Amino acid sequence: MTVRIKICGIVHPDDAAAAVDAGADMIGLNFVPGSPRCLTLDAAAKIADRVEGQVERVAIFRDAPWSEIERVTRRVQLERIQFHGDESEEEIELVDYPVIKAVRGADREAAVRYPGALLLLDHPTQGGGQGQAWNWSEATELIAEGYDLMLAGGLTPDNVQAVLGELGDYLPWGVDVATGVEQPGAVRKDASRIASFVAAVRQAEKLEKPEKPEGEEA
């Protein structure tokens, strides 16, 4: 199984290119007012254009009015939408894109409430975008039941391999990182930290991969 890797909160085209070069699968473009990573339409369009056809581009909103979502999707080329607020399942269904829905912790009620969305599990109390670690192993039961989940919150190049190891025989659909790969005191990404993060995830996959029976071809 390949764990998809999302580098979130991209604020510069060069950082998006660094994510592609490192082998990331997705980048996140933030449209949440008040966030230090919130993008203007012009900045987001330049980032999206830089990596067109090379990586999935995900727009992040939190309780945004429909007019704002339409304003962004008309201008910026995207493959997914991510919601970080109290959006209802009915609101999510109005979006003509695959959806990621951020929830607090391993919330079984949310897993049932948003059956059509890929769930992003962040810190149970701090919420999304804070870079706070939590007990990620709580997601194991939902993964075992077949839910597609992304893990987020406090992941770094130094801990992500161990975090995935804590899940035992299971791996999540994906992992999400923002602050964990940023330059000290800045929202710009550090290309070497992105590369280290991706490498650590890929190493964890190898460790979790079951051995083939003797005589079976690879």
N, C-alpha and C. Protein backbone atom coordinates (compact mmCIF):
# COMPACT_ATOMS: atom_id res chain seq x y z
N MET A 1 0.84 -1.19 0.00
CA MET A 1 0.00 0.00 0.00
C MET A 1 0.87 1.24 0.00
N THR A 2 0.53 2.22 -0.82
CA THR A 2 1.24 3.48 -0.86
C THR A 2 0.48 4.50 -0.03
N VAL A 3 1.15 5.09 0.93
CA VAL A 3 0.55 6.15 1.74
C VAL A 3 0.69 7.46 0.98
N ARG A 4 -0.42 8.11 0.70
CA ARG A 4 -0.35 9.39 0.00
C ARG A 4 0.17 10.46 0.94
N ILE A 5 0.98 11.35 0.40
CA ILE A 5 1.62 12.39 1.21
C ILE A 5 1.15 13.76 0.72
N LYS A 6 0.61 14.53 1.65
CA LYS A 6 0.14 15.88 1.32
C LYS A 6 1.00 16.89 2.08
N ILE A 7 1.58 17.82 1.33
CA ILE A 7 2.32 18.93 1.91
C ILE A 7 1.38 20.13 1.90
N CYS A 8 0.92 20.52 3.07
CA CYS A 8 -0.14 21.52 3.16
C CYS A 8 0.43 22.90 3.47
N GLY A 9 -0.38 23.92 3.16
CA GLY A 9 0.02 25.28 3.45
C GLY A 9 1.14 25.79 2.56
N ILE A 10 1.14 25.39 1.31
CA ILE A 10 2.15 25.88 0.36
C ILE A 10 1.88 27.35 0.05
N VAL A 11 2.91 28.19 0.15
CA VAL A 11 2.72 29.62 -0.07
C VAL A 11 3.59 30.17 -1.21
N HIS A 12 4.39 29.31 -1.84
CA HIS A 12 5.30 29.79 -2.90
C HIS A 12 5.44 28.71 -3.96
N PRO A 13 5.50 29.09 -5.23
CA PRO A 13 5.65 28.09 -6.30
C PRO A 13 6.88 27.21 -6.13
N ASP A 14 7.98 27.77 -5.64
CA ASP A 14 9.18 26.96 -5.45
C ASP A 14 8.96 25.86 -4.41
N ASP A 15 8.15 26.14 -3.40
CA ASP A 15 7.87 25.13 -2.38
C ASP A 15 7.02 24.01 -2.97
N ALA A 16 6.10 24.38 -3.86
CA ALA A 16 5.29 23.37 -4.54
C ALA A 16 6.17 22.48 -5.41
N ALA A 17 7.12 23.10 -6.10
CA ALA A 17 8.04 22.33 -6.94
C ALA A 17 8.90 21.41 -6.09
N ALA A 18 9.31 21.88 -4.90
CA ALA A 18 10.11 21.05 -4.00
C ALA A 18 9.31 19.84 -3.53
N ALA A 19 8.02 20.03 -3.31
CA ALA A 19 7.16 18.91 -2.90
C ALA A 19 7.07 17.88 -4.02
N VAL A 20 6.94 18.34 -5.24
CA VAL A 20 6.90 17.43 -6.39
C VAL A 20 8.23 16.68 -6.52
N ASP A 21 9.32 17.41 -6.43
CA ASP A 21 10.64 16.80 -6.57
C ASP A 21 10.88 15.72 -5.51
N ALA A 22 10.32 15.94 -4.32
CA ALA A 22 10.52 14.98 -3.22
C ALA A 22 9.63 13.75 -3.37
N GLY A 23 8.59 13.84 -4.22
CA GLY A 23 7.71 12.69 -4.41
C GLY A 23 6.40 12.78 -3.67
N ALA A 24 6.01 13.98 -3.24
CA ALA A 24 4.71 14.15 -2.58
C ALA A 24 3.59 13.93 -3.59
N ASP A 25 2.43 13.57 -3.08
CA ASP A 25 1.28 13.27 -3.93
C ASP A 25 0.29 14.43 -4.03
N MET A 26 0.28 15.31 -3.03
CA MET A 26 -0.70 16.38 -2.98
C MET A 26 -0.05 17.61 -2.34
N ILE A 27 -0.56 18.79 -2.73
CA ILE A 27 -0.20 20.01 -2.03
C ILE A 27 -1.49 20.70 -1.59
N GLY A 28 -1.42 21.42 -0.47
CA GLY A 28 -2.58 22.13 0.03
C GLY A 28 -2.43 23.62 -0.14
N LEU A 29 -3.49 24.26 -0.68
CA LEU A 29 -3.53 25.71 -0.87
C LEU A 29 -4.58 26.27 0.07
N ASN A 30 -4.16 27.12 0.98
CA ASN A 30 -5.00 27.56 2.10
C ASN A 30 -5.77 28.84 1.74
N PHE A 31 -7.09 28.78 1.93
CA PHE A 31 -7.95 29.94 1.72
C PHE A 31 -8.74 30.28 2.98
N VAL A 32 -8.16 30.00 4.14
CA VAL A 32 -8.81 30.28 5.41
C VAL A 32 -8.38 31.65 5.90
N PRO A 33 -9.30 32.64 5.96
CA PRO A 33 -8.93 33.98 6.41
C PRO A 33 -8.32 33.94 7.82
N GLY A 34 -7.27 34.72 8.00
CA GLY A 34 -6.62 34.76 9.31
C GLY A 34 -5.47 33.80 9.45
N SER A 35 -5.39 32.79 8.59
CA SER A 35 -4.28 31.85 8.63
C SER A 35 -3.04 32.53 8.05
N PRO A 36 -1.86 32.30 8.64
CA PRO A 36 -0.64 32.88 8.07
C PRO A 36 -0.31 32.30 6.69
N ARG A 37 -0.97 31.21 6.32
CA ARG A 37 -0.73 30.58 5.02
C ARG A 37 -1.83 30.88 4.01
N CYS A 38 -2.75 31.78 4.37
CA CYS A 38 -3.87 32.10 3.48
C CYS A 38 -3.35 32.78 2.22
N LEU A 39 -3.84 32.34 1.06
CA LEU A 39 -3.35 32.81 -0.22
C LEU A 39 -4.33 33.76 -0.90
N THR A 40 -3.78 34.68 -1.67
CA THR A 40 -4.60 35.45 -2.60
C THR A 40 -4.86 34.58 -3.83
N LEU A 41 -5.84 34.97 -4.62
CA LEU A 41 -6.12 34.20 -5.83
C LEU A 41 -4.92 34.19 -6.76
N ASP A 42 -4.26 35.31 -6.93
CA ASP A 42 -3.11 35.38 -7.83
C ASP A 42 -1.99 34.45 -7.37
N ALA A 43 -1.69 34.48 -6.07
CA ALA A 43 -0.62 33.63 -5.54
C ALA A 43 -0.98 32.16 -5.70
N ALA A 44 -2.23 31.80 -5.40
CA ALA A 44 -2.65 30.41 -5.51
C ALA A 44 -2.59 29.93 -6.96
N ALA A 45 -3.01 30.79 -7.90
CA ALA A 45 -2.99 30.40 -9.31
C ALA A 45 -1.57 30.16 -9.80
N LYS A 46 -0.62 30.98 -9.34
CA LYS A 46 0.78 30.79 -9.75
C LYS A 46 1.34 29.47 -9.21
N ILE A 47 0.99 29.16 -7.97
CA ILE A 47 1.45 27.90 -7.39
C ILE A 47 0.85 26.72 -8.14
N ALA A 48 -0.47 26.78 -8.35
CA ALA A 48 -1.16 25.68 -9.02
C ALA A 48 -0.64 25.47 -10.43
N ASP A 49 -0.38 26.56 -11.14
CA ASP A 49 0.11 26.45 -12.52
C ASP A 49 1.52 25.85 -12.56
N ARG A 50 2.32 26.15 -11.55
CA ARG A 50 3.71 25.68 -11.53
C ARG A 50 3.79 24.16 -11.51
N VAL A 51 2.83 23.51 -10.86
CA VAL A 51 2.90 22.05 -10.69
C VAL A 51 1.75 21.33 -11.40
N GLU A 52 1.17 21.98 -12.39
CA GLU A 52 0.05 21.38 -13.12
C GLU A 52 0.44 20.02 -13.70
N GLY A 53 -0.40 19.02 -13.47
CA GLY A 53 -0.17 17.69 -14.00
C GLY A 53 0.87 16.87 -13.26
N GLN A 54 1.43 17.42 -12.18
CA GLN A 54 2.49 16.73 -11.46
C GLN A 54 2.07 16.28 -10.06
N VAL A 55 1.04 16.88 -9.52
CA VAL A 55 0.63 16.62 -8.15
C VAL A 55 -0.83 17.05 -8.00
N GLU A 56 -1.57 16.45 -7.08
CA GLU A 56 -2.93 16.90 -6.81
C GLU A 56 -2.91 18.21 -6.04
N ARG A 57 -3.75 19.14 -6.47
CA ARG A 57 -3.83 20.44 -5.82
C ARG A 57 -5.13 20.52 -5.04
N VAL A 58 -5.01 20.81 -3.74
CA VAL A 58 -6.15 20.77 -2.82
C VAL A 58 -6.38 22.15 -2.23
N ALA A 59 -7.59 22.67 -2.35
CA ALA A 59 -7.95 23.95 -1.74
C ALA A 59 -8.56 23.72 -0.37
N ILE A 60 -8.10 24.49 0.62
CA ILE A 60 -8.59 24.32 2.00
C ILE A 60 -9.48 25.50 2.37
N PHE A 61 -10.70 25.17 2.84
CA PHE A 61 -11.65 26.18 3.30
C PHE A 61 -12.14 25.83 4.70
N ARG A 62 -12.59 26.85 5.43
CA ARG A 62 -13.23 26.61 6.72
C ARG A 62 -14.48 27.48 6.82
N ASP A 63 -15.64 26.82 6.78
CA ASP A 63 -16.93 27.49 6.88
C ASP A 63 -17.03 28.66 5.90
N ALA A 64 -16.52 28.46 4.70
CA ALA A 64 -16.54 29.51 3.68
C ALA A 64 -17.90 29.60 3.02
N PRO A 65 -18.37 30.80 2.67
CA PRO A 65 -19.62 30.91 1.91
C PRO A 65 -19.43 30.30 0.53
N TRP A 66 -20.53 29.85 -0.05
CA TRP A 66 -20.47 29.21 -1.36
C TRP A 66 -19.86 30.14 -2.41
N SER A 67 -20.12 31.43 -2.28
CA SER A 67 -19.58 32.39 -3.24
C SER A 67 -18.06 32.41 -3.22
N GLU A 68 -17.46 32.21 -2.04
CA GLU A 68 -16.00 32.19 -1.93
C GLU A 68 -15.42 30.93 -2.58
N ILE A 69 -16.07 29.81 -2.36
CA ILE A 69 -15.61 28.57 -2.97
C ILE A 69 -15.67 28.68 -4.49
N GLU A 70 -16.76 29.24 -5.00
CA GLU A 70 -16.88 29.41 -6.45
C GLU A 70 -15.84 30.38 -6.99
N ARG A 71 -15.56 31.43 -6.24
CA ARG A 71 -14.56 32.42 -6.66
C ARG A 71 -13.20 31.76 -6.84
N VAL A 72 -12.85 30.90 -5.92
CA VAL A 72 -11.55 30.22 -5.99
C VAL A 72 -11.54 29.18 -7.10
N THR A 73 -12.56 28.35 -7.17
CA THR A 73 -12.54 27.25 -8.15
C THR A 73 -12.64 27.75 -9.59
N ARG A 74 -13.18 28.95 -9.78
CA ARG A 74 -13.22 29.51 -11.14
C ARG A 74 -11.83 29.94 -11.60
N ARG A 75 -10.98 30.32 -10.65
CA ARG A 75 -9.68 30.90 -11.00
C ARG A 75 -8.52 29.92 -10.87
N VAL A 76 -8.59 29.02 -9.89
CA VAL A 76 -7.46 28.14 -9.58
C VAL A 76 -7.77 26.71 -9.99
N GLN A 77 -6.86 26.09 -10.71
CA GLN A 77 -7.03 24.71 -11.13
C GLN A 77 -6.78 23.78 -9.94
N LEU A 78 -7.76 22.92 -9.64
CA LEU A 78 -7.72 22.07 -8.45
C LEU A 78 -8.16 20.65 -8.78
N GLU A 79 -7.74 19.73 -7.91
CA GLU A 79 -8.22 18.35 -8.01
C GLU A 79 -9.10 17.95 -6.82
N ARG A 80 -8.97 18.62 -5.67
CA ARG A 80 -9.74 18.29 -4.48
C ARG A 80 -10.06 19.55 -3.69
N ILE A 81 -11.09 19.41 -2.84
CA ILE A 81 -11.44 20.45 -1.88
C ILE A 81 -11.36 19.86 -0.49
N GLN A 82 -10.80 20.62 0.45
CA GLN A 82 -10.72 20.19 1.84
C GLN A 82 -11.47 21.17 2.72
N PHE A 83 -12.34 20.64 3.59
CA PHE A 83 -13.12 21.47 4.49
C PHE A 83 -12.64 21.27 5.92
N HIS A 84 -12.44 22.40 6.63
CA HIS A 84 -11.90 22.35 7.99
C HIS A 84 -12.85 22.91 9.03
N GLY A 85 -14.11 23.12 8.66
CA GLY A 85 -15.04 23.73 9.60
C GLY A 85 -16.17 22.81 10.02
N ASP A 86 -17.34 23.41 10.18
CA ASP A 86 -18.52 22.65 10.61
C ASP A 86 -19.46 22.38 9.45
N GLU A 87 -18.90 22.21 8.27
CA GLU A 87 -19.72 21.97 7.08
C GLU A 87 -20.54 20.69 7.24
N SER A 88 -21.77 20.73 6.75
CA SER A 88 -22.64 19.56 6.82
C SER A 88 -22.38 18.63 5.64
N GLU A 89 -22.86 17.41 5.75
CA GLU A 89 -22.75 16.46 4.64
C GLU A 89 -23.48 17.00 3.42
N GLU A 90 -24.61 17.68 3.64
CA GLU A 90 -25.38 18.23 2.53
C GLU A 90 -24.59 19.32 1.80
N GLU A 91 -23.88 20.14 2.55
CA GLU A 91 -23.05 21.18 1.93
C GLU A 91 -21.91 20.57 1.14
N ILE A 92 -21.30 19.55 1.70
CA ILE A 92 -20.18 18.90 1.03
C ILE A 92 -20.62 18.27 -0.29
N GLU A 93 -21.82 17.73 -0.30
CA GLU A 93 -22.31 17.07 -1.51
C GLU A 93 -22.54 18.05 -2.66
N LEU A 94 -22.62 19.34 -2.37
CA LEU A 94 -22.80 20.34 -3.42
C LEU A 94 -21.53 20.58 -4.21
N VAL A 95 -20.40 20.16 -3.67
CA VAL A 95 -19.11 20.41 -4.31
C VAL A 95 -18.83 19.35 -5.36
N ASP A 96 -18.49 19.81 -6.55
CA ASP A 96 -18.24 18.88 -7.66
C ASP A 96 -16.76 18.50 -7.73
N TYR A 97 -16.19 18.17 -6.57
CA TYR A 97 -14.81 17.73 -6.45
C TYR A 97 -14.75 16.62 -5.41
N PRO A 98 -13.76 15.75 -5.48
CA PRO A 98 -13.52 14.85 -4.34
C PRO A 98 -13.23 15.70 -3.10
N VAL A 99 -13.72 15.26 -1.96
CA VAL A 99 -13.66 16.08 -0.75
C VAL A 99 -12.85 15.40 0.35
N ILE A 100 -12.02 16.20 1.03
CA ILE A 100 -11.38 15.81 2.28
C ILE A 100 -12.08 16.58 3.39
N LYS A 101 -12.53 15.89 4.43
CA LYS A 101 -13.19 16.57 5.56
C LYS A 101 -12.33 16.39 6.80
N ALA A 102 -11.84 17.50 7.35
CA ALA A 102 -11.05 17.44 8.57
C ALA A 102 -11.97 17.28 9.78
N VAL A 103 -11.59 16.38 10.68
CA VAL A 103 -12.36 16.16 11.91
C VAL A 103 -11.37 16.10 13.08
N ARG A 104 -11.92 16.19 14.28
CA ARG A 104 -11.08 16.19 15.48
C ARG A 104 -10.88 14.77 15.98
N GLY A 105 -9.67 14.27 15.84
CA GLY A 105 -9.34 12.94 16.35
C GLY A 105 -10.03 11.82 15.59
N ALA A 106 -9.98 10.62 16.18
CA ALA A 106 -10.57 9.43 15.55
C ALA A 106 -12.07 9.40 15.87
N ASP A 107 -12.81 10.30 15.24
CA ASP A 107 -14.22 10.53 15.53
C ASP A 107 -15.09 9.56 14.72
N ARG A 108 -15.59 8.53 15.38
CA ARG A 108 -16.43 7.55 14.68
C ARG A 108 -17.72 8.17 14.15
N GLU A 109 -18.28 9.07 14.92
CA GLU A 109 -19.53 9.73 14.49
C GLU A 109 -19.31 10.49 13.19
N ALA A 110 -18.15 11.16 13.07
CA ALA A 110 -17.84 11.89 11.84
C ALA A 110 -17.62 10.93 10.67
N ALA A 111 -17.00 9.80 10.94
CA ALA A 111 -16.78 8.81 9.89
C ALA A 111 -18.11 8.35 9.29
N VAL A 112 -19.10 8.22 10.15
CA VAL A 112 -20.43 7.82 9.70
C VAL A 112 -21.15 9.00 9.05
N ARG A 113 -20.93 10.20 9.59
CA ARG A 113 -21.64 11.39 9.12
C ARG A 113 -21.21 11.82 7.73
N TYR A 114 -19.94 11.59 7.38
CA TYR A 114 -19.42 12.03 6.09
C TYR A 114 -18.98 10.82 5.26
N PRO A 115 -19.91 9.98 4.85
CA PRO A 115 -19.54 8.74 4.15
C PRO A 115 -18.90 8.97 2.79
N GLY A 116 -19.17 10.12 2.18
CA GLY A 116 -18.62 10.37 0.85
C GLY A 116 -17.30 11.09 0.85
N ALA A 117 -16.76 11.38 2.03
CA ALA A 117 -15.53 12.17 2.11
C ALA A 117 -14.36 11.35 2.64
N LEU A 118 -13.19 11.73 2.21
CA LEU A 118 -11.96 11.22 2.80
C LEU A 118 -11.73 12.00 4.09
N LEU A 119 -11.57 11.31 5.22
CA LEU A 119 -11.45 12.00 6.50
C LEU A 119 -9.99 12.30 6.83
N LEU A 120 -9.75 13.55 7.27
CA LEU A 120 -8.45 13.94 7.76
C LEU A 120 -8.56 14.09 9.27
N LEU A 121 -7.82 13.26 10.00
CA LEU A 121 -7.90 13.23 11.46
C LEU A 121 -6.80 14.11 12.04
N ASP A 122 -7.24 15.20 12.70
CA ASP A 122 -6.30 16.12 13.31
C ASP A 122 -6.45 16.07 14.83
N HIS A 123 -5.79 16.97 15.52
CA HIS A 123 -5.77 16.95 16.98
C HIS A 123 -7.20 16.99 17.55
N PRO A 124 -7.52 16.16 18.53
CA PRO A 124 -8.89 16.07 19.06
C PRO A 124 -9.43 17.35 19.67
N THR A 125 -8.57 18.19 20.24
CA THR A 125 -9.05 19.41 20.90
C THR A 125 -8.52 20.69 20.27
N GLN A 126 -7.29 20.65 19.74
CA GLN A 126 -6.69 21.85 19.17
C GLN A 126 -7.20 22.16 17.77
N GLY A 127 -7.71 21.14 17.09
CA GLY A 127 -8.21 21.36 15.74
C GLY A 127 -7.10 21.43 14.71
N GLY A 128 -7.48 21.79 13.49
CA GLY A 128 -6.53 21.75 12.39
C GLY A 128 -5.61 22.95 12.31
N GLY A 129 -4.48 22.74 11.63
CA GLY A 129 -3.56 23.82 11.35
C GLY A 129 -2.70 24.28 12.50
N GLN A 130 -2.70 23.56 13.62
CA GLN A 130 -1.95 23.97 14.79
C GLN A 130 -0.63 23.21 14.95
N GLY A 131 -0.46 22.12 14.22
CA GLY A 131 0.77 21.35 14.31
C GLY A 131 0.98 20.68 15.65
N GLN A 132 -0.13 20.29 16.31
CA GLN A 132 -0.05 19.70 17.64
C GLN A 132 -0.14 18.18 17.57
N ALA A 133 0.78 17.50 18.25
CA ALA A 133 0.79 16.04 18.25
C ALA A 133 -0.37 15.49 19.10
N TRP A 134 -0.81 14.28 18.77
CA TRP A 134 -1.84 13.60 19.55
C TRP A 134 -1.61 12.10 19.42
N ASN A 135 -2.48 11.31 20.02
CA ASN A 135 -2.31 9.86 19.99
C ASN A 135 -2.86 9.31 18.67
N TRP A 136 -2.03 9.36 17.65
CA TRP A 136 -2.47 8.97 16.31
C TRP A 136 -2.92 7.50 16.25
N SER A 137 -2.42 6.66 17.14
CA SER A 137 -2.78 5.24 17.12
C SER A 137 -4.27 5.02 17.36
N GLU A 138 -4.97 6.05 17.85
CA GLU A 138 -6.42 5.93 18.05
C GLU A 138 -7.15 5.71 16.72
N ALA A 139 -6.47 6.01 15.61
CA ALA A 139 -7.09 5.83 14.29
C ALA A 139 -7.09 4.38 13.82
N THR A 140 -6.36 3.52 14.51
CA THR A 140 -6.18 2.15 14.04
C THR A 140 -7.50 1.43 13.82
N GLU A 141 -8.42 1.56 14.75
CA GLU A 141 -9.68 0.83 14.65
C GLU A 141 -10.48 1.25 13.42
N LEU A 142 -10.52 2.55 13.14
CA LEU A 142 -11.25 3.02 11.96
C LEU A 142 -10.58 2.52 10.67
N ILE A 143 -9.25 2.53 10.64
CA ILE A 143 -8.54 2.03 9.46
C ILE A 143 -8.84 0.55 9.26
N ALA A 144 -8.84 -0.20 10.36
CA ALA A 144 -9.11 -1.64 10.29
C ALA A 144 -10.51 -1.92 9.77
N GLU A 145 -11.42 -0.99 10.01
CA GLU A 145 -12.79 -1.18 9.54
C GLU A 145 -12.98 -0.74 8.09
N GLY A 146 -11.91 -0.26 7.48
CA GLY A 146 -11.97 0.06 6.05
C GLY A 146 -12.15 1.52 5.71
N TYR A 147 -12.10 2.41 6.71
CA TYR A 147 -12.24 3.84 6.42
C TYR A 147 -10.94 4.39 5.83
N ASP A 148 -11.08 5.21 4.79
CA ASP A 148 -9.92 5.90 4.22
C ASP A 148 -9.66 7.16 5.03
N LEU A 149 -8.49 7.22 5.65
CA LEU A 149 -8.17 8.31 6.56
C LEU A 149 -6.81 8.91 6.23
N MET A 150 -6.69 10.21 6.52
CA MET A 150 -5.39 10.87 6.50
C MET A 150 -5.08 11.28 7.93
N LEU A 151 -3.83 11.09 8.35
CA LEU A 151 -3.40 11.51 9.67
C LEU A 151 -2.71 12.87 9.57
N ALA A 152 -3.00 13.74 10.53
CA ALA A 152 -2.41 15.07 10.56
C ALA A 152 -2.21 15.50 12.01
N GLY A 153 -1.48 16.59 12.18
CA GLY A 153 -1.30 17.15 13.51
C GLY A 153 0.02 16.76 14.14
N GLY A 154 1.01 17.63 14.04
CA GLY A 154 2.28 17.39 14.71
C GLY A 154 3.20 16.39 14.04
N LEU A 155 2.92 16.00 12.82
CA LEU A 155 3.81 15.08 12.11
C LEU A 155 5.05 15.83 11.64
N THR A 156 6.20 15.15 11.71
CA THR A 156 7.47 15.73 11.29
C THR A 156 8.31 14.64 10.61
N PRO A 157 9.41 15.03 9.95
CA PRO A 157 10.30 14.01 9.39
C PRO A 157 10.86 13.09 10.47
N ASP A 158 10.95 13.58 11.70
CA ASP A 158 11.55 12.81 12.78
C ASP A 158 10.61 11.81 13.43
N ASN A 159 9.29 12.06 13.35
CA ASN A 159 8.37 11.16 14.05
C ASN A 159 7.43 10.37 13.16
N VAL A 160 7.32 10.72 11.88
CA VAL A 160 6.27 10.11 11.07
C VAL A 160 6.47 8.60 10.89
N GLN A 161 7.71 8.14 10.80
CA GLN A 161 7.93 6.70 10.65
C GLN A 161 7.46 5.96 11.90
N ALA A 162 7.77 6.50 13.07
CA ALA A 162 7.34 5.87 14.32
C ALA A 162 5.82 5.91 14.46
N VAL A 163 5.22 7.03 14.04
CA VAL A 163 3.75 7.15 14.11
C VAL A 163 3.09 6.07 13.27
N LEU A 164 3.57 5.88 12.06
CA LEU A 164 2.99 4.84 11.20
C LEU A 164 3.24 3.45 11.78
N GLY A 165 4.37 3.29 12.43
CA GLY A 165 4.67 2.02 13.08
C GLY A 165 3.72 1.71 14.21
N GLU A 166 3.21 2.74 14.89
CA GLU A 166 2.28 2.55 15.99
C GLU A 166 0.94 1.98 15.54
N LEU A 167 0.67 2.05 14.24
CA LEU A 167 -0.60 1.56 13.72
C LEU A 167 -0.58 0.04 13.49
N GLY A 168 0.53 -0.59 13.78
CA GLY A 168 0.61 -2.04 13.67
C GLY A 168 0.54 -2.52 12.23
N ASP A 169 -0.40 -3.39 11.94
CA ASP A 169 -0.51 -3.97 10.61
C ASP A 169 -1.24 -3.06 9.62
N TYR A 170 -1.62 -1.88 10.06
CA TYR A 170 -2.44 -1.01 9.21
C TYR A 170 -1.68 0.26 8.83
N LEU A 171 -2.00 0.78 7.68
CA LEU A 171 -1.46 2.05 7.24
C LEU A 171 -2.64 2.94 6.82
N PRO A 172 -2.53 4.25 7.05
CA PRO A 172 -3.60 5.15 6.64
C PRO A 172 -3.58 5.39 5.13
N TRP A 173 -4.66 5.92 4.62
CA TRP A 173 -4.71 6.31 3.20
C TRP A 173 -3.64 7.35 2.92
N GLY A 174 -3.44 8.26 3.90
CA GLY A 174 -2.45 9.30 3.67
C GLY A 174 -2.02 9.99 4.95
N VAL A 175 -1.04 10.87 4.80
CA VAL A 175 -0.56 11.71 5.91
C VAL A 175 -0.47 13.14 5.40
N ASP A 176 -0.62 14.08 6.33
CA ASP A 176 -0.67 15.50 6.00
C ASP A 176 0.31 16.25 6.90
N VAL A 177 1.12 17.11 6.31
CA VAL A 177 2.09 17.87 7.11
C VAL A 177 2.16 19.30 6.59
N ALA A 178 2.32 20.24 7.52
CA ALA A 178 2.52 21.65 7.16
C ALA A 178 3.66 22.22 7.99
N THR A 179 3.38 22.52 9.27
CA THR A 179 4.41 23.12 10.12
C THR A 179 5.64 22.23 10.27
N GLY A 180 5.46 20.93 10.20
CA GLY A 180 6.55 19.99 10.40
C GLY A 180 7.63 20.04 9.34
N VAL A 181 7.35 20.70 8.20
CA VAL A 181 8.36 20.80 7.15
C VAL A 181 8.64 22.25 6.78
N GLU A 182 8.33 23.16 7.71
CA GLU A 182 8.57 24.57 7.44
C GLU A 182 9.92 25.04 7.95
N GLN A 183 10.39 26.13 7.38
CA GLN A 183 11.62 26.75 7.84
C GLN A 183 11.37 27.35 9.23
N PRO A 184 12.38 27.39 10.09
CA PRO A 184 12.20 27.92 11.44
C PRO A 184 11.63 29.34 11.43
N GLY A 185 10.51 29.51 12.13
CA GLY A 185 9.92 30.83 12.26
C GLY A 185 9.28 31.38 11.00
N ALA A 186 9.02 30.52 10.01
CA ALA A 186 8.45 30.99 8.75
C ALA A 186 7.40 30.02 8.24
N VAL A 187 6.60 30.47 7.27
CA VAL A 187 5.61 29.57 6.66
C VAL A 187 6.12 28.99 5.35
N ARG A 188 7.28 29.47 4.87
CA ARG A 188 7.90 28.85 3.70
C ARG A 188 8.37 27.45 4.07
N LYS A 189 8.27 26.54 3.12
CA LYS A 189 8.69 25.17 3.36
C LYS A 189 10.20 25.01 3.18
N ASP A 190 10.74 24.02 3.87
CA ASP A 190 12.15 23.66 3.78
C ASP A 190 12.25 22.43 2.88
N ALA A 191 12.88 22.58 1.74
CA ALA A 191 12.92 21.49 0.75
C ALA A 191 13.56 20.23 1.32
N SER A 192 14.59 20.39 2.15
CA SER A 192 15.25 19.21 2.71
C SER A 192 14.34 18.49 3.71
N ARG A 193 13.54 19.24 4.45
CA ARG A 193 12.62 18.62 5.40
C ARG A 193 11.48 17.91 4.66
N ILE A 194 11.02 18.50 3.56
CA ILE A 194 10.01 17.82 2.75
C ILE A 194 10.56 16.49 2.26
N ALA A 195 11.77 16.51 1.72
CA ALA A 195 12.39 15.28 1.20
C ALA A 195 12.57 14.25 2.31
N SER A 196 12.97 14.70 3.48
CA SER A 196 13.16 13.78 4.61
C SER A 196 11.83 13.19 5.06
N PHE A 197 10.78 14.00 5.05
CA PHE A 197 9.46 13.52 5.44
C PHE A 197 8.97 12.44 4.49
N VAL A 198 9.08 12.71 3.19
CA VAL A 198 8.65 11.73 2.19
C VAL A 198 9.45 10.44 2.33
N ALA A 199 10.77 10.57 2.50
CA ALA A 199 11.62 9.38 2.63
C ALA A 199 11.24 8.56 3.86
N ALA A 200 10.89 9.23 4.97
CA ALA A 200 10.52 8.52 6.19
C ALA A 200 9.21 7.75 6.00
N VAL A 201 8.27 8.34 5.30
CA VAL A 201 7.00 7.65 5.03
C VAL A 201 7.24 6.43 4.16
N ARG A 202 8.04 6.59 3.12
CA ARG A 202 8.32 5.46 2.22
C ARG A 202 9.07 4.34 2.95
N GLN A 203 9.94 4.70 3.89
CA GLN A 203 10.63 3.70 4.67
C GLN A 203 9.65 2.95 5.56
N ALA A 204 8.70 3.67 6.14
CA ALA A 204 7.69 3.03 6.99
C ALA A 204 6.85 2.04 6.19
N GLU A 205 6.57 2.37 4.95
CA GLU A 205 5.82 1.44 4.09
C GLU A 205 6.57 0.12 3.92
N LYS A 206 7.87 0.22 3.73
CA LYS A 206 8.66 -0.99 3.54
C LYS A 206 8.66 -1.84 4.80
N LEU A 207 8.72 -1.19 5.95
CA LEU A 207 8.73 -1.92 7.21
C LEU A 207 7.40 -2.61 7.46
N GLU A 208 6.30 -1.97 7.01
CA GLU A 208 4.98 -2.54 7.25
C GLU A 208 4.57 -3.56 6.19
N LYS A 209 5.29 -3.58 5.06
CA LYS A 209 4.91 -4.46 3.96
C LYS A 209 5.11 -5.92 4.36
N PRO A 210 4.06 -6.75 4.26
CA PRO A 210 4.20 -8.15 4.64
C PRO A 210 5.14 -8.90 3.70
N GLU A 211 5.87 -9.84 4.25
CA GLU A 211 6.79 -10.63 3.43
C GLU A 211 6.01 -11.61 2.57
N LYS A 212 6.49 -11.79 1.34
CA LYS A 212 5.84 -12.75 0.45
C LYS A 212 6.29 -14.16 0.83
N PRO A 213 5.39 -15.12 0.64
CA PRO A 213 5.77 -16.52 0.93
C PRO A 213 6.95 -16.95 0.09
N GLU A 214 7.72 -17.92 0.60
CA GLU A 214 8.90 -18.40 -0.11
C GLU A 214 8.51 -18.96 -1.48
N GLY A 215 9.24 -18.54 -2.49
CA GLY A 215 8.97 -19.05 -3.83
C GLY A 215 8.06 -18.15 -4.64
N GLU A 216 7.40 -17.18 -3.99
CA GLU A 216 6.50 -16.31 -4.71
C GLU A 216 7.30 -15.15 -5.30
N GLU A 217 7.00 -14.80 -6.55
CA GLU A 217 7.73 -13.74 -7.23
C GLU A 217 7.34 -12.39 -6.66
N ALA A 218 8.31 -11.48 -6.68
CA ALA A 218 8.05 -10.13 -6.19
C ALA A 218 7.21 -9.37 -7.20
